[in-house]
N, C-alpha and C. Protein backbone atom coordinates (compact mmCIF):
# COMPACT_ATOMS: atom_id res chain seq x y z
N UNK A 1 -0.17 -18.88 -7.95
CA UNK A 1 0.42 -19.34 -6.70
C UNK A 1 1.46 -18.31 -7.04
N UNK A 2 2.13 -18.40 -7.94
CA UNK A 2 3.36 -17.52 -8.30
C UNK A 2 3.44 -16.36 -7.90
N UNK A 3 2.20 -15.48 -7.69
CA UNK A 3 2.42 -14.13 -7.41
C UNK A 3 1.96 -14.21 -6.15
N UNK A 4 1.11 -14.95 -5.21
CA UNK A 4 1.18 -15.05 -4.22
C UNK A 4 2.73 -15.28 -3.40
N UNK A 5 3.55 -16.08 -3.92
CA UNK A 5 4.94 -16.40 -3.75
C UNK A 5 5.20 -14.79 -4.31
N UNK A 6 5.95 -14.32 -5.34
CA UNK A 6 6.44 -13.24 -5.82
C UNK A 6 6.09 -12.02 -4.66
N UNK A 7 4.45 -11.92 -4.20
CA UNK A 7 4.03 -11.03 -2.98
C UNK A 7 4.49 -11.06 -1.77
N UNK A 8 5.55 -12.31 -1.40
CA UNK A 8 6.04 -12.40 -0.27
C UNK A 8 7.37 -12.00 0.03
N UNK A 9 7.69 -12.17 -1.62
CA UNK A 9 8.69 -11.80 -1.72
C UNK A 9 9.49 -10.19 -1.07
N UNK A 10 10.45 -10.00 -0.20
CA UNK A 10 10.53 -8.70 -0.02
C UNK A 10 11.90 -8.23 0.06
N UNK A 11 12.12 -8.64 -1.13
CA UNK A 11 13.80 -8.50 -1.13
C UNK A 11 14.54 -7.25 -1.62
N UNK A 12 13.31 -6.19 -1.79
CA UNK A 12 13.74 -5.00 -2.33
C UNK A 12 12.99 -3.82 -1.85
N UNK A 13 13.15 -3.03 -1.56
CA UNK A 13 12.89 -1.96 -1.04
C UNK A 13 11.21 -1.88 -1.85
N UNK A 14 11.21 -1.95 -2.83
CA UNK A 14 9.56 -2.03 -3.85
C UNK A 14 8.79 -2.57 -3.23
N UNK A 15 9.41 -3.99 -2.98
CA UNK A 15 8.44 -5.46 -2.92
C UNK A 15 8.00 -5.10 -1.52
N UNK A 16 9.65 -4.38 -0.53
CA UNK A 16 8.62 -4.08 0.92
C UNK A 16 7.57 -3.30 1.40
N UNK A 17 7.54 -1.93 0.43
CA UNK A 17 6.77 -1.31 0.48
C UNK A 17 5.73 -1.73 -0.19
N UNK A 18 5.35 -2.17 -1.14
CA UNK A 18 3.74 -2.81 -1.52
C UNK A 18 3.53 -3.93 -0.43
N UNK A 19 4.42 -4.45 0.00
CA UNK A 19 4.06 -6.18 1.56
C UNK A 19 3.08 -4.90 2.25
N UNK A 20 3.24 -3.97 2.86
CA UNK A 20 3.38 -3.25 3.54
C UNK A 20 2.54 -2.36 3.26
N UNK A 21 1.61 -1.90 2.03
CA UNK A 21 0.98 -1.12 1.40
C UNK A 21 -0.46 -2.15 1.82
N UNK A 22 -0.36 -3.12 1.03
CA UNK A 22 -1.30 -4.34 1.34
C UNK A 22 -1.43 -4.60 2.53
N UNK A 23 -1.12 -4.80 3.05
CA UNK A 23 -1.10 -5.12 4.75
C UNK A 23 -1.79 -4.19 5.49
N UNK A 24 -1.22 -2.95 5.40
CA UNK A 24 -2.34 -1.72 5.53
C UNK A 24 -3.83 -1.82 5.47
N UNK A 25 -3.77 -2.01 3.66
CA UNK A 25 -5.56 -2.04 3.56
C UNK A 25 -5.89 -3.18 4.14
N UNK A 26 -5.54 -4.46 4.63
CA UNK A 26 -6.17 -5.69 5.15
C UNK A 26 -6.64 -5.12 6.82
N UNK A 27 -5.89 -4.25 6.80
CA UNK A 27 -6.06 -4.12 8.03
C UNK A 27 -6.79 -2.96 8.73
N UNK A 28 -7.46 -2.60 7.71
CA UNK A 28 -8.17 -1.34 7.32
C UNK A 28 -9.56 -1.63 7.64
N UNK A 29 -9.47 -3.49 6.56
CA UNK A 29 -10.40 -3.52 6.17
C UNK A 29 -10.89 -4.88 7.76
N UNK A 30 -10.48 -5.17 8.10
CA UNK A 30 -10.28 -5.80 9.65
C UNK A 30 -11.17 -4.26 10.72
N UNK A 31 -10.78 -3.27 11.21
CA UNK A 31 -10.81 -3.00 11.51
C UNK A 31 -12.43 -1.96 11.27
N UNK A 32 -12.75 -2.16 9.42
CA UNK A 32 -14.15 -1.41 8.99
C UNK A 32 -15.16 -2.77 9.83
N UNK A 33 -14.40 -3.90 9.29
CA UNK A 33 -15.62 -5.24 9.72
C UNK A 33 -15.91 -5.41 11.31
N UNK A 34 -14.97 -4.46 12.02
CA UNK A 34 -14.90 -4.74 13.56
C UNK A 34 -16.38 -3.53 13.63
N UNK A 35 -15.99 -2.40 13.44
CA UNK A 35 -16.59 -1.17 13.60
C UNK A 35 -18.10 -1.51 13.03
N UNK A 36 -18.73 -2.31 12.19
CA UNK A 36 -19.55 -2.54 11.48
C UNK A 36 -20.51 -3.40 12.97
N UNK A 37 -19.54 -4.18 12.92
CA UNK A 37 -19.76 -5.30 14.39
C UNK A 37 -20.26 -4.19 15.57
N UNK A 38 -19.79 -3.60 15.72
CA UNK A 38 -20.20 -3.24 17.08
C UNK A 38 -21.56 -1.56 16.84
N UNK A 39 -21.51 -1.55 16.13
CA UNK A 39 -21.95 0.02 15.52
C UNK A 39 -23.76 0.02 15.08
N UNK A 40 -23.36 -1.25 14.16
CA UNK A 40 -24.97 -1.95 13.53
C UNK A 40 -25.49 -2.62 14.00
N UNK A 41 -25.31 -3.43 14.73
CA UNK A 41 -26.63 -4.11 15.69
C UNK A 41 -26.64 -3.17 16.89
N UNK A 42 -28.21 -3.03 17.24
CA UNK A 42 -28.32 -2.62 18.58
C UNK A 42 -27.52 -2.97 19.99
N UNK A 43 -27.12 -4.20 19.76
CA UNK A 43 -26.07 -5.00 20.98
C UNK A 43 -24.52 -4.96 19.98
N UNK A 44 -24.11 -3.83 19.95
CA UNK A 44 -22.82 -4.56 19.58
C UNK A 44 -22.18 -5.08 20.01
N UNK A 45 -21.14 -5.37 19.03
CA UNK A 45 -19.27 -6.09 20.44
C UNK A 45 -18.88 -5.96 19.78
N UNK A 46 -17.43 -5.17 20.51
CA UNK A 46 -16.69 -4.14 20.38
C UNK A 46 -15.48 -5.40 20.32
N UNK A 47 -15.39 -6.04 20.47
CA UNK A 47 -14.28 -7.21 20.15
C UNK A 47 -12.98 -6.86 18.80
N UNK A 48 -14.45 -6.82 17.46
CA UNK A 48 -13.46 -6.54 16.37
C UNK A 48 -12.61 -5.54 16.42
N UNK A 49 -12.55 -4.16 16.93
CA UNK A 49 -12.24 -3.01 17.09
C UNK A 49 -10.81 -3.04 18.38
N UNK A 50 -11.35 -3.61 19.14
CA UNK A 50 -9.93 -4.07 20.41
C UNK A 50 -9.34 -5.45 19.66
N UNK A 51 -9.68 -5.86 18.75
CA UNK A 51 -8.40 -6.41 18.20
C UNK A 51 -7.71 -6.07 16.78
N UNK A 52 -8.85 -5.30 15.79
CA UNK A 52 -7.62 -4.76 15.18
C UNK A 52 -7.89 -3.49 15.24
N UNK A 53 -7.89 -2.88 16.08
CA UNK A 53 -7.75 -1.13 16.99
C UNK A 53 -5.92 -1.21 17.01
N UNK A 54 -5.76 -1.55 17.59
CA UNK A 54 -4.29 -1.49 17.96
C UNK A 54 -3.21 -2.60 16.47
N UNK A 55 -3.65 -3.42 15.82
CA UNK A 55 -2.95 -4.05 15.25
C UNK A 55 -2.73 -3.52 13.76
N UNK A 56 -4.52 -2.44 13.37
CA UNK A 56 -3.96 -1.39 12.49
C UNK A 56 -3.37 -0.13 12.72
N UNK A 57 -3.27 0.00 14.18
CA UNK A 57 -2.69 1.43 14.61
C UNK A 57 -1.24 1.14 14.28
N UNK A 58 -0.92 -0.28 13.88
CA UNK A 58 0.97 -0.58 14.60
C UNK A 58 1.34 -0.86 13.07
N UNK A 59 0.54 -1.26 12.10
CA UNK A 59 0.68 -1.18 10.46
C UNK A 59 0.71 0.23 10.47
N UNK A 60 -0.37 1.01 10.63
CA UNK A 60 0.23 2.51 9.99
C UNK A 60 1.22 2.89 10.39
N UNK A 61 1.62 2.84 11.21
CA UNK A 61 3.31 3.62 11.99
C UNK A 61 4.30 3.07 11.12
N UNK A 62 4.16 1.10 10.57
CA UNK A 62 4.99 0.33 10.10
C UNK A 62 4.46 1.03 9.14
N UNK A 63 3.46 1.56 8.08
CA UNK A 63 3.35 2.20 6.78
C UNK A 63 3.96 3.07 6.59
N UNK A 64 4.37 4.02 7.60
CA UNK A 64 4.64 5.67 7.56
C UNK A 64 6.38 5.60 7.70
N UNK A 65 6.41 4.65 8.26
CA UNK A 65 8.32 4.21 8.35
C UNK A 65 8.98 4.00 6.98
N UNK A 66 8.26 2.97 6.53
CA UNK A 66 8.69 1.97 5.04
C UNK A 66 8.36 3.30 4.31
N UNK A 67 7.27 4.37 4.43
CA UNK A 67 6.84 4.97 3.43
C UNK A 67 8.25 6.19 2.99
N UNK A 68 8.79 5.70 4.34
CA UNK A 68 9.62 7.67 4.51
C UNK A 68 11.12 7.08 4.40
N UNK A 69 11.50 5.01 4.49
CA UNK A 69 12.62 4.74 4.15
C UNK A 69 12.25 4.39 2.41
N UNK A 70 11.74 3.72 1.95
CA UNK A 70 11.31 3.43 0.47
C UNK A 70 11.63 5.01 -0.03
N UNK A 71 10.88 6.28 0.23
CA UNK A 71 11.03 7.55 -0.45
C UNK A 71 12.54 8.05 -0.50
N UNK A 72 13.41 7.49 0.43
CA UNK A 72 15.20 8.45 0.45
C UNK A 72 15.65 7.20 -0.86
N UNK A 73 15.04 5.89 -0.49
CA UNK A 73 16.13 4.65 -1.36
C UNK A 73 15.65 5.11 -3.15
N UNK A 74 14.22 5.50 -3.00
CA UNK A 74 13.89 5.21 -4.83
C UNK A 74 13.71 6.73 -4.82
N UNK A 75 14.47 7.68 -3.68
CA UNK A 75 14.81 9.33 -4.71
C UNK A 75 13.28 9.19 -5.07
N UNK A 76 12.20 9.48 -4.44
CA UNK A 76 11.01 10.18 -4.69
C UNK A 76 10.33 11.44 -4.17
N UNK A 77 10.47 12.07 -4.94
CA UNK A 77 10.39 13.63 -4.59
C UNK A 77 9.49 13.58 -3.64
N UNK A 78 9.15 14.82 -3.26
CA UNK A 78 8.29 15.57 -1.92
C UNK A 78 6.96 15.21 -2.27
N UNK A 79 6.40 15.75 -3.32
CA UNK A 79 5.03 15.36 -3.93
C UNK A 79 4.69 14.16 -3.22
N UNK A 80 5.21 13.07 -3.96
CA UNK A 80 5.19 11.76 -4.37
C UNK A 80 5.44 10.98 -2.64
N UNK A 81 5.93 11.59 -1.77
CA UNK A 81 6.20 11.03 -0.30
C UNK A 81 4.64 11.30 0.42
N UNK A 82 4.82 12.63 0.28
CA UNK A 82 3.31 13.32 0.68
C UNK A 82 2.08 12.27 0.09
N UNK A 83 1.97 12.22 -1.04
CA UNK A 83 1.01 11.53 -1.51
C UNK A 83 0.71 10.09 -1.00
N UNK A 84 2.19 9.06 -1.07
CA UNK A 84 1.94 8.13 0.07
C UNK A 84 1.67 7.98 1.15
N UNK A 85 2.10 9.23 2.28
CA UNK A 85 2.18 9.20 3.24
C UNK A 85 0.54 9.57 3.65
N UNK A 86 -0.26 10.52 2.97
CA UNK A 86 -1.98 11.04 2.66
C UNK A 86 -2.71 9.53 2.56
N UNK A 87 -2.38 8.97 1.60
CA UNK A 87 -3.10 7.85 0.83
C UNK A 87 -3.00 6.37 2.39
N UNK A 88 -2.77 6.67 3.57
CA UNK A 88 -2.82 6.17 4.17
C UNK A 88 -4.13 5.98 5.08
N UNK A 89 -4.30 7.47 5.07
CA UNK A 89 -5.72 7.87 5.63
C UNK A 89 -7.08 7.43 5.61
N UNK A 90 -7.43 7.38 4.41
CA UNK A 90 -8.61 6.56 3.19
C UNK A 90 -8.18 5.23 3.49
N UNK A 91 -9.39 4.49 3.61
CA UNK A 91 -9.46 3.25 3.75
C UNK A 91 -8.90 2.43 2.39
N UNK A 92 -8.02 2.04 2.01
CA UNK A 92 -7.22 0.98 0.93
C UNK A 92 -6.49 1.88 0.25
N UNK A 93 -6.24 3.01 0.56
CA UNK A 93 -5.29 4.60 -0.37
C UNK A 93 -3.98 4.05 -0.57
N UNK A 94 -3.65 3.32 -0.02
CA UNK A 94 -2.35 2.62 -0.08
C UNK A 94 -2.34 1.35 -1.12
N UNK A 95 -3.21 0.80 -1.19
CA UNK A 95 -3.11 -0.03 -2.54
C UNK A 95 -3.39 1.05 -3.89
N UNK A 96 -4.23 1.86 -3.45
CA UNK A 96 -4.46 2.32 -4.99
C UNK A 96 -2.75 3.45 -5.19
N UNK A 97 -2.53 4.24 -3.95
CA UNK A 97 -1.08 4.44 -4.18
C UNK A 97 0.02 3.68 -4.64
N UNK A 98 0.10 2.36 -4.50
CA UNK A 98 1.39 1.56 -4.59
C UNK A 98 0.88 1.25 -6.23
N UNK A 99 -0.78 0.98 -6.56
CA UNK A 99 -0.97 1.03 -7.88
C UNK A 99 -0.42 1.64 -9.24
N UNK A 100 -0.37 3.30 -8.79
CA UNK A 100 -0.80 4.44 -9.54
C UNK A 100 1.16 4.89 -9.34
N UNK A 101 2.28 4.28 -8.11
CA UNK A 101 3.24 4.42 -7.73
C UNK A 101 4.14 3.92 -8.88
N UNK A 102 3.62 2.08 -8.89
CA UNK A 102 3.82 1.49 -10.24
C UNK A 102 3.87 1.24 -11.45
N UNK A 103 2.44 1.83 -11.62
CA UNK A 103 2.25 2.27 -13.39
C UNK A 103 3.21 3.54 -13.83
N UNK A 104 3.43 4.49 -12.99
CA UNK A 104 3.83 5.87 -12.55
C UNK A 104 4.84 6.07 -13.10
N UNK A 105 6.44 4.48 -13.23
CA UNK A 105 7.36 4.30 -12.48
C UNK A 105 8.38 4.59 -11.62
N UNK A 106 7.70 5.07 -10.11
CA UNK A 106 8.26 5.15 -8.80
C UNK A 106 8.25 4.13 -8.23
N UNK A 107 8.40 2.77 -8.83
CA UNK A 107 8.07 2.19 -7.68
C UNK A 107 9.74 0.68 -8.24
N UNK A 108 10.71 1.88 -9.11
CA UNK A 108 12.04 0.85 -9.54
C UNK A 108 11.51 -0.52 -10.05
N UNK A 109 11.68 -2.13 -10.04
CA UNK A 109 11.58 -2.73 -10.53
C UNK A 109 10.14 -3.79 -10.87
N UNK A 110 9.73 -2.95 -9.85
CA UNK A 110 7.82 -3.45 -9.80
C UNK A 110 6.64 -2.58 -10.90
N UNK A 111 7.66 -1.34 -11.54
CA UNK A 111 7.46 -0.56 -12.66
C UNK A 111 6.60 -1.50 -14.03
N UNK A 112 5.31 -1.34 -13.78
CA UNK A 112 4.28 -1.83 -14.88
C UNK A 112 4.41 -1.37 -16.14
N UNK A 113 5.52 -0.04 -16.77
CA UNK A 113 5.04 0.14 -17.84
C UNK A 113 5.84 -0.46 -18.70
N UNK A 114 4.41 -0.75 -19.97
CA UNK A 114 5.94 -1.82 -20.53
C UNK A 114 6.69 -0.47 -21.74
N UNK A 115 7.85 -1.35 -22.10
CA UNK A 115 8.03 -0.50 -23.64
C UNK A 115 7.19 -0.27 -24.89
N UNK A 116 6.79 1.24 -25.15
CA UNK A 116 6.37 1.48 -26.04
C UNK A 116 6.87 0.76 -27.87
N UNK A 117 6.26 0.18 -28.16
CA UNK A 117 6.86 -0.32 -29.94
C UNK A 117 6.02 1.07 -30.94
N UNK A 118 5.50 1.73 -30.69
CA UNK A 118 4.90 2.76 -31.06
C UNK A 118 6.24 3.68 -31.19
N UNK A 119 6.73 3.94 -30.14
CA UNK A 119 7.90 5.10 -30.15
C UNK A 119 9.21 4.56 -31.47
N UNK A 120 9.21 3.69 -31.59
CA UNK A 120 10.10 3.52 -32.78
C UNK A 120 9.70 3.04 -34.35
N UNK A 121 8.34 2.73 -34.32
CA UNK A 121 7.63 3.39 -35.06
C UNK A 121 8.20 4.25 -35.98
N UNK A 122 8.93 4.45 -37.18
CA UNK A 122 8.45 5.72 -38.05
C UNK A 122 9.70 6.77 -37.70
N UNK A 123 10.63 6.20 -36.93
CA UNK A 123 11.94 6.91 -37.08
C UNK A 123 13.10 6.74 -37.26
N UNK A 124 12.98 5.59 -38.37
CA UNK A 124 14.45 5.23 -38.95
C UNK A 124 14.53 6.64 -40.54
């Protein structure tokens, strides 16, 4: 439950980026499910696409705006910013980018790198 509470904490730029990246992935999932119900059965139903299409479109635009704001505030270079934008195109790419950015130290306090004890070994 603590993880969920932390997920909804939008107090920093990096946390807002993470939230919107995951939200964009969920709307992709909804759109993909809607497309499956539209195209897989012979007499498909378009309601899922009609609902999730506009929602995903709005969250997609929000993700791009939040990406630019995050890039400026966290001082991302052009390559990182472009990767973040391109990650919004394939399904679930935003989550993959966010995990990569956190692991490589590009997400400020969401950095998942742990200090290495091996660096201090043998230095004396």
